[in-house]
Amino acid sequence: MRQSRSRKTNRTIYMLLLILCILGFWVFENFYTPDLYSAPPNEVLTSEVPDRLLPASTSGEIVIHSNYILSYKERYEQAEWVAYELNRSHLTYDDRERPDYIEDPKVSTKSADWRNYKGSGYDRGHLCPAGDRRFSVYAYNETFYTSNITPQKNDFNSGIWNQLEKKIRSWSKQYERLYIITGGILEKGLPTIGEEDVAVPKMYYKIVVKEEGKDIKVLAFLIPHKDTREPLINFLVTIDDLEEVSGIDFFNKMDKNIETRLEQSINTNHWSF
């Protein structure tokens, strides 16, 4: 009789422990957030985008991080643009441990939870690439805020998009300093993933800017969100065309004559393809 009671007691304890373990795992999975990726006071910031190059924000939600700036659009649960500097000194080969993806504390509504991407079939695609921020552990980790993340097909993310990122790095080595503005085209009727309805753009863009003294050279790429074997040069568009499809006003803080010249034409003469 005592042995039977002991077995029942042990079974009860075992079941309670099992329930506690399951509950603990569920709480960890759904509510745990790692420490924020803030740089210490002595961290030297080596990336700055001139105010004159920043686009207008259609949402009014501009977020300034140490190594990139973005305009967040809550309706689509991602940035409409991310702007950052890329210069030759940024391009290191330091090994970095990949951190967790976490919500951006500087976005007033918080950025999308990374769990929206689980089982979606889409990569968590970086807008400011982690590979461009290996020069500092804090700069690298900062790119894992989900405000800098967008749903991308793997063959696109690892294909043409990756090719463009590599080309920009090679230009940075050649021209020393570039400024990049990038994002997905956010529009009505896009498919979504996750409980928060993170939009999946049908096209992505990058604007690359280099300054030669007082002269400014610009290239703009607009690429459909799909696998392709076409050369990068086939995806060049004017800034005017990009403004029309994105609804974003680029270079609006520049002198109007310079803005008009930059936005109306495509000129590859000063870029090596």
C-alpha atoms as a PDB file:
ATOM      1  CA  MET A   1       0.000   0.000   0.000  1.00  0.00           C
ATOM      2  CA  ARG A   2       2.810   2.394   0.947  1.00  0.00           C
ATOM      3  CA  GLN A   3       4.659   1.468  -2.230  1.00  0.00           C
ATOM      4  CA  SER A   4       1.560   2.232  -4.319  1.00  0.00           C
ATOM      5  CA  ARG A   5       1.166   5.638  -2.658  1.00  0.00           C
ATOM      6  CA  SER A   6       4.856   6.358  -3.221  1.00  0.00           C
ATOM      7  CA  ARG A   7       4.517   5.559  -6.921  1.00  0.00           C
ATOM      8  CA  LYS A   8       1.499   7.840  -7.209  1.00  0.00           C
ATOM      9  CA  THR A   9       3.380  10.628  -5.432  1.00  0.00           C
ATOM     10  CA  ASN A  10       6.415  10.226  -7.693  1.00  0.00           C
ATOM     11  CA  ARG A  11       4.184  10.193 -10.758  1.00  0.00           C
ATOM     12  CA  THR A  12       2.470  13.378  -9.599  1.00  0.00           C
ATOM     13  CA  ILE A  13       5.796  15.105  -8.960  1.00  0.00           C
ATOM     14  CA  TYR A  14       7.061  13.980 -12.360  1.00  0.00           C
ATOM     15  CA  MET A  15       3.960  15.347 -14.091  1.00  0.00           C
ATOM     16  CA  LEU A  16       4.235  18.668 -12.252  1.00  0.00           C
ATOM     17  CA  LEU A  17       7.900  19.003 -13.215  1.00  0.00           C
ATOM     18  CA  LEU A  18       7.063  18.180 -16.805  1.00  0.00           C
ATOM     19  CA  ILE A  19       4.298  20.800 -16.864  1.00  0.00           C
ATOM     20  CA  LEU A  20       6.653  23.392 -15.332  1.00  0.00           C
ATOM     21  CA  CYS A  21       9.322  22.600 -17.928  1.00  0.00           C
ATOM     22  CA  ILE A  22       6.828  22.956 -20.780  1.00  0.00           C
ATOM     23  CA  LEU A  23       5.480  26.192 -19.296  1.00  0.00           C
ATOM     24  CA  GLY A  24       9.004  27.558 -18.798  1.00  0.00           C
ATOM     25  CA  PHE A  25       9.949  26.730 -22.382  1.00  0.00           C
ATOM     26  CA  TRP A  26       6.776  28.399 -23.691  1.00  0.00           C
ATOM     27  CA  VAL A  27       7.444  31.559 -21.651  1.00  0.00           C
ATOM     28  CA  PHE A  28      11.073  31.653 -22.847  1.00  0.00           C
ATOM     29  CA  GLU A  29      10.053  31.111 -26.455  1.00  0.00           C
ATOM     30  CA  ASN A  30       7.351  33.771 -26.450  1.00  0.00           C
ATOM     31  CA  PHE A  31       8.474  36.453 -24.013  1.00  0.00           C
ATOM     32  CA  TYR A  32      12.242  36.299 -23.569  1.00  0.00           C
ATOM     33  CA  THR A  33      14.140  39.177 -25.154  1.00  0.00           C
ATOM     34  CA  PRO A  34      17.958  39.325 -25.024  1.00  0.00           C
ATOM     35  CA  ASP A  35      19.858  42.404 -23.884  1.00  0.00           C
ATOM     36  CA  LEU A  36      19.669  45.374 -26.217  1.00  0.00           C
ATOM     37  CA  TYR A  37      22.518  45.931 -28.649  1.00  0.00           C
ATOM     38  CA  SER A  38      23.634  49.290 -27.341  1.00  0.00           C
ATOM     39  CA  ALA A  39      27.220  50.422 -27.754  1.00  0.00           C
ATOM     40  CA  PRO A  40      29.122  51.440 -24.604  1.00  0.00           C
ATOM     41  CA  PRO A  41      29.939  55.135 -24.122  1.00  0.00           C
ATOM     42  CA  ASN A  42      33.529  54.626 -25.285  1.00  0.00           C
ATOM     43  CA  GLU A  43      32.540  53.025 -28.588  1.00  0.00           C
ATOM     44  CA  VAL A  44      33.800  55.183 -31.451  1.00  0.00           C
ATOM     45  CA  LEU A  45      31.100  55.681 -34.069  1.00  0.00           C
ATOM     46  CA  THR A  46      32.523  55.355 -37.557  1.00  0.00           C
ATOM     47  CA  SER A  47      29.408  55.645 -39.686  1.00  0.00           C
ATOM     48  CA  GLU A  48      27.440  58.795 -40.391  1.00  0.00           C
ATOM     49  CA  VAL A  49      25.060  59.707 -43.208  1.00  0.00           C
ATOM     50  CA  PRO A  50      24.935  63.416 -44.133  1.00  0.00           C
ATOM     51  CA  ASP A  51      21.503  64.865 -43.505  1.00  0.00           C
ATOM     52  CA  ARG A  52      21.304  66.193 -47.087  1.00  0.00           C
ATOM     53  CA  LEU A  53      21.353  62.609 -48.423  1.00  0.00           C
ATOM     54  CA  LEU A  54      18.543  61.263 -46.254  1.00  0.00           C
ATOM     55  CA  PRO A  55      15.170  60.654 -47.953  1.00  0.00           C
ATOM     56  CA  ALA A  56      11.899  62.006 -46.682  1.00  0.00           C
ATOM     57  CA  SER A  57       9.974  59.736 -44.307  1.00  0.00           C
ATOM     58  CA  THR A  58       6.392  58.952 -45.312  1.00  0.00           C
ATOM     59  CA  SER A  59       5.676  57.616 -41.805  1.00  0.00           C
ATOM     60  CA  GLY A  60       7.434  60.200 -39.640  1.00  0.00           C
ATOM     61  CA  GLU A  61       9.068  57.359 -37.694  1.00  0.00           C
ATOM     62  CA  ILE A  62      12.791  58.007 -38.171  1.00  0.00           C
ATOM     63  CA  VAL A  63      15.096  55.906 -35.988  1.00  0.00           C
ATOM     64  CA  ILE A  64      18.763  56.768 -35.532  1.00  0.00           C
ATOM     65  CA  HIS A  65      21.100  53.946 -34.561  1.00  0.00           C
ATOM     66  CA  SER A  66      24.846  54.174 -34.131  1.00  0.00           C
ATOM     67  CA  ASN A  67      25.620  52.749 -37.558  1.00  0.00           C
ATOM     68  CA  TYR A  68      22.514  53.267 -39.682  1.00  0.00           C
ATOM     69  CA  ILE A  69      19.341  55.331 -39.885  1.00  0.00           C
ATOM     70  CA  LEU A  70      15.905  54.109 -40.919  1.00  0.00           C
ATOM     71  CA  SER A  71      12.328  55.150 -41.508  1.00  0.00           C
ATOM     72  CA  TYR A  72       9.977  52.544 -40.033  1.00  0.00           C
ATOM     73  CA  LYS A  73       6.537  51.896 -41.473  1.00  0.00           C
ATOM     74  CA  GLU A  74       4.352  50.168 -38.893  1.00  0.00           C
ATOM     75  CA  ARG A  75       1.666  49.243 -41.404  1.00  0.00           C
ATOM     76  CA  TYR A  76       4.144  46.953 -43.173  1.00  0.00           C
ATOM     77  CA  GLU A  77       6.202  46.038 -40.061  1.00  0.00           C
ATOM     78  CA  GLN A  78       9.543  47.006 -41.625  1.00  0.00           C
ATOM     79  CA  ALA A  79      11.618  49.955 -42.725  1.00  0.00           C
ATOM     80  CA  GLU A  80      10.667  51.797 -45.909  1.00  0.00           C
ATOM     81  CA  TRP A  81      14.328  52.828 -46.129  1.00  0.00           C
ATOM     82  CA  VAL A  82      17.589  52.212 -44.325  1.00  0.00           C
ATOM     83  CA  ALA A  83      20.519  54.574 -44.920  1.00  0.00           C
ATOM     84  CA  TYR A  84      24.130  53.903 -43.965  1.00  0.00           C
ATOM     85  CA  GLU A  85      27.698  54.791 -44.792  1.00  0.00           C
ATOM     86  CA  LEU A  86      30.070  52.185 -46.169  1.00  0.00           C
ATOM     87  CA  ASN A  87      33.738  52.999 -46.420  1.00  0.00           C
ATOM     88  CA  ARG A  88      36.858  50.977 -47.038  1.00  0.00           C
ATOM     89  CA  SER A  89      37.777  50.739 -43.341  1.00  0.00           C
ATOM     90  CA  HIS A  90      34.440  49.053 -42.556  1.00  0.00           C
ATOM     91  CA  LEU A  91      35.280  46.043 -44.692  1.00  0.00           C
ATOM     92  CA  THR A  92      36.987  43.704 -42.252  1.00  0.00           C
ATOM     93  CA  TYR A  93      36.947  39.919 -42.067  1.00  0.00           C
ATOM     94  CA  ASP A  94      36.497  39.718 -38.296  1.00  0.00           C
ATOM     95  CA  ASP A  95      34.551  36.679 -37.157  1.00  0.00           C
ATOM     96  CA  ARG A  96      31.390  37.622 -35.324  1.00  0.00           C
ATOM     97  CA  GLU A  97      28.983  35.392 -33.456  1.00  0.00           C
ATOM     98  CA  ARG A  98      25.489  35.823 -34.846  1.00  0.00           C
ATOM     99  CA  PRO A  99      23.240  37.316 -32.150  1.00  0.00           C
ATOM    100  CA  ASP A 100      19.501  36.849 -31.716  1.00  0.00           C
ATOM    101  CA  TYR A 101      17.052  38.854 -33.796  1.00  0.00           C
ATOM    102  CA  ILE A 102      15.278  41.235 -31.423  1.00  0.00           C
ATOM    103  CA  GLU A 103      12.696  43.988 -31.585  1.00  0.00           C
ATOM    104  CA  ASP A 104      13.982  47.523 -32.025  1.00  0.00           C
ATOM    105  CA  PRO A 105      13.467  49.475 -28.757  1.00  0.00           C
ATOM    106  CA  LYS A 106      13.743  52.799 -30.615  1.00  0.00           C
ATOM    107  CA  VAL A 107      10.688  52.117 -32.799  1.00  0.00           C
ATOM    108  CA  SER A 108       7.733  53.622 -30.944  1.00  0.00           C
ATOM    109  CA  THR A 109       5.461  50.639 -31.676  1.00  0.00           C
ATOM    110  CA  LYS A 110       8.344  48.120 -31.484  1.00  0.00           C
ATOM    111  CA  SER A 111       9.428  46.421 -34.672  1.00  0.00           C
ATOM    112  CA  ALA A 112       8.089  43.025 -35.758  1.00  0.00           C
ATOM    113  CA  ASP A 113       8.781  39.995 -33.572  1.00  0.00           C
ATOM    114  CA  TRP A 114      11.273  37.606 -35.198  1.00  0.00           C
ATOM    115  CA  ARG A 115       8.797  34.748 -34.688  1.00  0.00           C
ATOM    116  CA  ASN A 116       6.733  36.112 -37.583  1.00  0.00           C
ATOM    117  CA  TYR A 117       9.391  34.602 -39.841  1.00  0.00           C
ATOM    118  CA  LYS A 118       9.333  31.111 -38.296  1.00  0.00           C
ATOM    119  CA  GLY A 119       8.035  28.550 -40.773  1.00  0.00           C
ATOM    120  CA  SER A 120       7.236  31.291 -43.306  1.00  0.00           C
ATOM    121  CA  GLY A 121       9.600  29.992 -45.969  1.00  0.00           C
ATOM    122  CA  TYR A 122      11.326  33.402 -46.127  1.00  0.00           C
ATOM    123  CA  ASP A 123      14.797  34.452 -45.012  1.00  0.00           C
ATOM    124  CA  ARG A 124      15.261  37.247 -42.507  1.00  0.00           C
ATOM    125  CA  GLY A 125      16.908  39.510 -45.042  1.00  0.00           C
ATOM    126  CA  HIS A 126      19.125  42.355 -43.825  1.00  0.00           C
ATOM    127  CA  LEU A 127      18.744  45.802 -45.343  1.00  0.00           C
ATOM    128  CA  CYS A 128      21.953  47.140 -43.835  1.00  0.00           C
ATOM    129  CA  PRO A 129      24.025  43.956 -44.290  1.00  0.00           C
ATOM    130  CA  ALA A 130      25.646  42.379 -41.260  1.00  0.00           C
ATOM    131  CA  GLY A 131      28.663  41.738 -43.498  1.00  0.00           C
ATOM    132  CA  ASP A 132      29.176  45.489 -43.855  1.00  0.00           C
ATOM    133  CA  ARG A 133      29.369  45.910 -40.076  1.00  0.00           C
ATOM    134  CA  ARG A 134      31.994  43.377 -38.965  1.00  0.00           C
ATOM    135  CA  PHE A 135      34.349  46.134 -37.801  1.00  0.00           C
ATOM    136  CA  SER A 136      32.648  46.244 -34.387  1.00  0.00           C
ATOM    137  CA  VAL A 137      30.690  43.718 -32.361  1.00  0.00           C
ATOM    138  CA  TYR A 138      28.125  46.424 -31.559  1.00  0.00           C
ATOM    139  CA  ALA A 139      27.806  47.579 -35.147  1.00  0.00           C
ATOM    140  CA  TYR A 140      27.375  43.957 -36.228  1.00  0.00           C
ATOM    141  CA  ASN A 141      24.776  43.153 -33.566  1.00  0.00           C
ATOM    142  CA  GLU A 142      22.850  46.337 -34.331  1.00  0.00           C
ATOM    143  CA  THR A 143      21.973  44.965 -37.783  1.00  0.00           C
ATOM    144  CA  PHE A 144      19.952  42.208 -36.076  1.00  0.00           C
ATOM    145  CA  TYR A 145      17.233  44.548 -34.854  1.00  0.00           C
ATOM    146  CA  THR A 146      14.129  43.413 -36.740  1.00  0.00           C
ATOM    147  CA  SER A 147      13.578  46.982 -37.949  1.00  0.00           C
ATOM    148  CA  ASN A 148      16.494  46.230 -40.301  1.00  0.00           C
ATOM    149  CA  ILE A 149      14.984  42.913 -41.445  1.00  0.00           C
ATOM    150  CA  THR A 150      12.608  42.107 -44.330  1.00  0.00           C
ATOM    151  CA  PRO A 151      11.175  38.807 -45.673  1.00  0.00           C
ATOM    152  CA  GLN A 152      13.217  37.625 -48.660  1.00  0.00           C
ATOM    153  CA  LYS A 153      13.134  34.493 -50.769  1.00  0.00           C
ATOM    154  CA  ASN A 154      16.310  32.503 -50.228  1.00  0.00           C
ATOM    155  CA  ASP A 155      17.227  32.340 -53.931  1.00  0.00           C
ATOM    156  CA  PHE A 156      16.849  36.132 -54.142  1.00  0.00           C
ATOM    157  CA  ASN A 157      18.647  36.855 -50.861  1.00  0.00           C
ATOM    158  CA  SER A 158      21.577  34.582 -51.689  1.00  0.00           C
ATOM    159  CA  GLY A 159      21.436  35.383 -55.411  1.00  0.00           C
ATOM    160  CA  ILE A 160      21.041  38.762 -57.118  1.00  0.00           C
ATOM    161  CA  TRP A 161      20.678  40.683 -53.828  1.00  0.00           C
ATOM    162  CA  ASN A 162      23.909  39.176 -52.520  1.00  0.00           C
ATOM    163  CA  GLN A 163      25.619  39.985 -55.828  1.00  0.00           C
ATOM    164  CA  LEU A 164      24.608  43.620 -55.481  1.00  0.00           C
ATOM    165  CA  GLU A 165      25.901  43.775 -51.908  1.00  0.00           C
ATOM    166  CA  LYS A 166      29.239  42.317 -53.042  1.00  0.00           C
ATOM    167  CA  LYS A 167      29.444  44.785 -55.931  1.00  0.00           C
ATOM    168  CA  ILE A 168      28.852  47.683 -53.531  1.00  0.00           C
ATOM    169  CA  ARG A 169      31.638  46.375 -51.277  1.00  0.00           C
ATOM    170  CA  SER A 170      34.006  46.251 -54.231  1.00  0.00           C
ATOM    171  CA  TRP A 171      33.043  49.839 -55.118  1.00  0.00           C
ATOM    172  CA  SER A 172      33.682  50.846 -51.523  1.00  0.00           C
ATOM    173  CA  LYS A 173      37.194  49.437 -51.731  1.00  0.00           C
ATOM    174  CA  GLN A 174      37.715  51.266 -55.009  1.00  0.00           C
ATOM    175  CA  TYR A 175      36.092  54.615 -54.196  1.00  0.00           C
ATOM    176  CA  GLU A 176      36.690  54.578 -50.401  1.00  0.00           C
ATOM    177  CA  ARG A 177      33.368  55.989 -49.183  1.00  0.00           C
ATOM    178  CA  LEU A 178      29.800  55.345 -50.305  1.00  0.00           C
ATOM    179  CA  TYR A 179      26.352  56.047 -48.928  1.00  0.00           C
ATOM    180  CA  ILE A 180      23.604  53.461 -49.357  1.00  0.00           C
ATOM    181  CA  ILE A 181      19.818  53.840 -49.182  1.00  0.00           C
ATOM    182  CA  THR A 182      17.837  50.617 -49.433  1.00  0.00           C
ATOM    183  CA  GLY A 183      14.501  48.960 -48.764  1.00  0.00           C
ATOM    184  CA  GLY A 184      11.560  47.077 -50.189  1.00  0.00           C
ATOM    185  CA  ILE A 185       8.810  48.707 -52.230  1.00  0.00           C
ATOM    186  CA  LEU A 186       5.953  48.919 -49.725  1.00  0.00           C
ATOM    187  CA  GLU A 187       2.547  49.165 -51.342  1.00  0.00           C
ATOM    188  CA  LYS A 188      -1.042  48.083 -50.787  1.00  0.00           C
ATOM    189  CA  GLY A 189      -2.038  44.465 -51.345  1.00  0.00           C
ATOM    190  CA  LEU A 190       1.288  42.793 -50.552  1.00  0.00           C
ATOM    191  CA  PRO A 191       1.279  39.222 -49.186  1.00  0.00           C
ATOM    192  CA  THR A 192       2.136  38.984 -45.482  1.00  0.00           C
ATOM    193  CA  ILE A 193       3.656  36.547 -42.994  1.00  0.00           C
ATOM    194  CA  GLY A 194       3.192  35.959 -39.270  1.00  0.00           C
ATOM    195  CA  GLU A 195       0.657  37.138 -36.730  1.00  0.00           C
ATOM    196  CA  GLU A 196       1.749  40.754 -37.204  1.00  0.00           C
ATOM    197  CA  ASP A 197       1.257  40.661 -40.990  1.00  0.00           C
ATOM    198  CA  VAL A 198       4.815  41.486 -42.020  1.00  0.00           C
ATOM    199  CA  ALA A 199       4.606  42.539 -45.675  1.00  0.00           C
ATOM    200  CA  VAL A 200       6.582  40.692 -48.344  1.00  0.00           C
ATOM    201  CA  PRO A 201       7.738  43.247 -50.966  1.00  0.00           C
ATOM    202  CA  LYS A 202       7.543  42.343 -54.666  1.00  0.00           C
ATOM    203  CA  MET A 203      10.579  44.543 -55.429  1.00  0.00           C
ATOM    204  CA  TYR A 204      13.642  45.818 -53.610  1.00  0.00           C
ATOM    205  CA  TYR A 205      15.819  48.840 -54.304  1.00  0.00           C
ATOM    206  CA  LYS A 206      19.270  50.222 -53.516  1.00  0.00           C
ATOM    207  CA  ILE A 207      20.615  53.697 -54.153  1.00  0.00           C
ATOM    208  CA  VAL A 208      24.405  54.063 -54.126  1.00  0.00           C
ATOM    209  CA  VAL A 209      25.943  57.526 -53.700  1.00  0.00           C
ATOM    210  CA  LYS A 210      29.559  58.619 -53.989  1.00  0.00           C
ATOM    211  CA  GLU A 211      30.956  62.116 -53.621  1.00  0.00           C
ATOM    212  CA  GLU A 212      33.914  63.359 -55.670  1.00  0.00           C
ATOM    213  CA  GLY A 213      34.667  66.709 -54.128  1.00  0.00           C
ATOM    214  CA  LYS A 214      31.493  68.735 -54.595  1.00  0.00           C
ATOM    215  CA  ASP A 215      30.285  66.434 -57.356  1.00  0.00           C
ATOM    216  CA  ILE A 216      27.813  63.655 -56.560  1.00  0.00           C
ATOM    217  CA  LYS A 217      27.383  60.421 -58.504  1.00  0.00           C
ATOM    218  CA  VAL A 218      24.326  58.224 -58.039  1.00  0.00           C
ATOM    219  CA  LEU A 219      23.104  54.819 -59.169  1.00  0.00           C
ATOM    220  CA  ALA A 220      19.697  53.333 -58.376  1.00  0.00           C
ATOM    221  CA  PHE A 221      18.723  49.656 -58.671  1.00  0.00           C
ATOM    222  CA  LEU A 222      15.181  48.265 -58.643  1.00  0.00           C
ATOM    223  CA  ILE A 223      15.066  44.460 -58.596  1.00  0.00           C
ATOM    224  CA  PRO A 224      12.027  42.140 -58.669  1.00  0.00           C
ATOM    225  CA  HIS A 225      11.855  39.826 -55.649  1.00  0.00           C
ATOM    226  CA  LYS A 226      12.682  36.595 -57.465  1.00  0.00           C
ATOM    227  CA  ASP A 227      15.605  34.496 -58.631  1.00  0.00           C
ATOM    228  CA  THR A 228      17.274  35.889 -61.739  1.00  0.00           C
ATOM    229  CA  ARG A 229      20.441  35.418 -63.783  1.00  0.00           C
ATOM    230  CA  GLU A 230      20.319  38.852 -65.391  1.00  0.00           C
ATOM    231  CA  PRO A 231      23.314  41.187 -64.891  1.00  0.00           C
ATOM    232  CA  LEU A 232      23.006  43.935 -62.297  1.00  0.00           C
ATOM    233  CA  ILE A 233      23.242  46.672 -64.904  1.00  0.00           C
ATOM    234  CA  ASN A 234      19.857  45.568 -66.297  1.00  0.00           C
ATOM    235  CA  PHE A 235      18.163  46.725 -63.083  1.00  0.00           C
ATOM    236  CA  LEU A 236      19.314  50.335 -63.150  1.00  0.00           C
ATOM    237  CA  VAL A 237      16.528  52.931 -63.005  1.00  0.00           C
ATOM    238  CA  THR A 238      16.352  56.684 -62.580  1.00  0.00           C
ATOM    239  CA  ILE A 239      15.661  58.147 -59.152  1.00  0.00           C
ATOM    240  CA  ASP A 240      12.506  59.670 -60.651  1.00  0.00           C
ATOM    241  CA  ASP A 241      11.289  56.183 -61.598  1.00  0.00           C
ATOM    242  CA  LEU A 242      12.125  54.876 -58.130  1.00  0.00           C
ATOM    243  CA  GLU A 243      10.255  57.745 -56.490  1.00  0.00           C
ATOM    244  CA  GLU A 244       7.187  56.970 -58.567  1.00  0.00           C
ATOM    245  CA  VAL A 245       6.985  53.300 -57.490  1.00  0.00           C
ATOM    246  CA  SER A 246       8.082  53.832 -53.866  1.00  0.00           C
ATOM    247  CA  GLY A 247       6.270  57.060 -53.015  1.00  0.00           C
ATOM    248  CA  ILE A 248       9.459  58.281 -51.308  1.00  0.00           C
ATOM    249  CA  ASP A 249      11.041  61.654 -52.030  1.00  0.00           C
ATOM    250  CA  PHE A 250      14.808  61.106 -52.310  1.00  0.00           C
ATOM    251  CA  PHE A 251      17.401  63.910 -52.086  1.00  0.00           C
ATOM    252  CA  ASN A 252      14.686  66.435 -51.231  1.00  0.00           C
ATOM    253  CA  LYS A 253      17.112  68.393 -49.013  1.00  0.00           C
ATOM    254  CA  MET A 254      19.516  69.120 -51.853  1.00  0.00           C
ATOM    255  CA  ASP A 255      19.660  72.159 -54.092  1.00  0.00           C
ATOM    256  CA  LYS A 256      16.824  71.693 -56.579  1.00  0.00           C
ATOM    257  CA  ASN A 257      19.089  71.962 -59.613  1.00  0.00           C
ATOM    258  CA  ILE A 258      21.368  69.225 -58.274  1.00  0.00           C
ATOM    259  CA  GLU A 259      18.373  67.100 -57.282  1.00  0.00           C
ATOM    260  CA  THR A 260      16.895  67.368 -60.778  1.00  0.00           C
ATOM    261  CA  ARG A 261      20.200  66.425 -62.427  1.00  0.00           C
ATOM    262  CA  LEU A 262      20.673  63.384 -60.166  1.00  0.00           C
ATOM    263  CA  GLU A 263      17.151  62.092 -60.512  1.00  0.00           C
ATOM    264  CA  GLN A 264      16.432  62.310 -64.221  1.00  0.00           C
ATOM    265  CA  SER A 265      19.141  60.159 -65.792  1.00  0.00           C
ATOM    266  CA  ILE A 266      21.234  56.991 -65.484  1.00  0.00           C
ATOM    267  CA  ASN A 267      24.976  57.493 -65.843  1.00  0.00           C
ATOM    268  CA  THR A 268      27.337  54.529 -65.442  1.00  0.00           C
ATOM    269  CA  ASN A 269      30.457  56.334 -66.695  1.00  0.00           C
ATOM    270  CA  HIS A 270      31.889  56.751 -63.213  1.00  0.00           C
ATOM    271  CA  TRP A 271      31.190  53.224 -61.985  1.00  0.00           C
ATOM    272  CA  SER A 272      33.018  49.979 -62.793  1.00  0.00           C
ATOM    273  CA  PHE A 273      30.730  47.071 -63.674  1.00  0.00           C
END
